[in-house]
Amino acid sequence: MPPYKHAFYDYCMNNQDEADKEREFSKLVPESGFTYFQMALPFLDKQKGAYIDFEKVSEPVLVITGSEDKNGTSKYSKKQQQKYKKIQR
């Protein structure tokens, strides 16, 4: 089942217009909700589906956040950026 509509609207597309929210929500498939859960709440994911072994990352990584992002805040993105910087070759 995709994520709940209100959660998707409030956290993933909180600053988009209603038509865009509807269009994107309609594209979600049953696995989308579980995948979102794994990425958004990794500490609750016993299967470690979204786990990243930073030592194995060898390609450039783009970390993006929006100024009004409620899911991937700029503080979180900066923290992720620091993890990748530590392993740059």
Protein backbone atom coordinates (compact mmCIF):
# COMPACT_ATOMS: atom_id res chain seq x y z
CA MET A 1 0.00 0.00 0.00
CA PRO A 2 1.34 3.47 -0.79
CA PRO A 3 1.90 5.85 2.10
CA TYR A 4 -1.17 7.47 3.56
CA LYS A 5 -2.28 10.34 1.39
CA HIS A 6 -2.20 12.95 4.16
CA ALA A 7 1.34 11.94 5.19
CA PHE A 8 2.53 12.06 1.59
CA TYR A 9 0.95 15.48 1.12
CA ASP A 10 2.19 16.89 4.42
CA TYR A 11 5.75 15.56 4.41
CA CYS A 12 6.75 14.69 0.86
CA MET A 13 5.00 17.40 -1.12
CA ASN A 14 4.14 19.94 1.56
CA ASN A 15 4.84 22.97 -0.64
CA GLN A 16 3.31 21.77 -3.92
CA ASP A 17 -0.07 22.60 -5.40
CA GLU A 18 -2.95 20.11 -5.12
CA ALA A 19 -2.82 19.05 -8.78
CA ASP A 20 0.86 18.08 -8.51
CA LYS A 21 0.22 16.20 -5.26
CA GLU A 22 -2.63 14.23 -6.85
CA ARG A 23 -0.62 13.44 -9.98
CA GLU A 24 2.40 12.15 -8.03
CA PHE A 25 0.36 10.24 -5.44
CA SER A 26 -1.47 8.40 -8.24
CA LYS A 27 1.89 7.02 -9.48
CA LEU A 28 2.74 5.28 -6.22
CA VAL A 29 2.63 1.49 -6.06
CA PRO A 30 2.21 -0.86 -3.06
CA GLU A 31 5.96 -1.01 -2.40
CA SER A 32 6.22 2.79 -2.22
CA GLY A 33 4.92 2.95 1.35
CA PHE A 34 7.34 0.33 2.66
CA THR A 35 10.27 1.87 0.81
CA TYR A 36 9.37 5.29 2.18
CA PHE A 37 9.19 3.80 5.68
CA GLN A 38 12.67 2.26 5.29
CA MET A 39 14.15 5.59 4.21
CA ALA A 40 12.26 7.88 6.58
CA LEU A 41 12.57 5.75 9.72
CA PRO A 42 15.68 3.60 9.26
CA PHE A 43 16.05 3.02 13.00
CA LEU A 44 12.77 1.07 12.93
CA ASP A 45 13.68 -0.99 9.87
CA LYS A 46 14.90 -4.35 11.19
CA GLN A 47 15.74 -5.53 7.64
CA LYS A 48 18.07 -2.56 7.06
CA GLY A 49 16.61 -2.09 3.57
CA ALA A 50 17.85 1.50 3.30
CA TYR A 51 21.22 0.86 4.99
CA ILE A 52 24.21 2.47 3.30
CA ASP A 53 27.73 1.18 3.80
CA PHE A 54 29.51 4.49 3.30
CA GLU A 55 32.85 2.72 2.84
CA LYS A 56 31.54 1.12 -0.37
CA VAL A 57 30.35 4.36 -1.99
CA SER A 58 32.81 5.24 -4.72
CA GLU A 59 30.79 7.57 -6.94
CA PRO A 60 29.80 11.20 -6.32
CA VAL A 61 26.62 11.64 -4.28
CA LEU A 62 24.18 14.53 -4.60
CA VAL A 63 22.38 15.35 -1.35
CA ILE A 64 19.42 17.69 -1.84
CA THR A 65 16.92 19.30 0.48
CA GLY A 66 14.35 22.02 0.11
CA SER A 67 14.11 25.11 2.27
CA GLU A 68 10.69 23.95 3.48
CA ASP A 69 11.30 20.20 3.35
CA LYS A 70 9.70 18.37 6.27
CA ASN A 71 11.18 14.95 5.61
CA GLY A 72 14.80 15.56 4.61
CA THR A 73 15.64 18.68 6.59
CA SER A 74 18.76 20.69 5.79
CA LYS A 75 20.26 19.62 9.15
CA TYR A 76 19.82 15.95 8.19
CA SER A 77 21.21 16.53 4.69
CA LYS A 78 24.31 18.24 6.09
CA LYS A 79 24.85 15.31 8.43
CA GLN A 80 24.67 12.89 5.48
CA GLN A 81 27.04 15.06 3.49
CA GLN A 82 29.62 14.82 6.29
CA LYS A 83 29.43 11.01 6.22
CA TYR A 84 30.23 11.00 2.52
CA LYS A 85 33.01 13.57 2.89
CA LYS A 86 34.81 11.31 5.36
CA ILE A 87 35.23 8.61 2.72
CA GLN A 88 36.22 10.74 -0.28
CA ARG A 89 39.26 9.33 -2.00
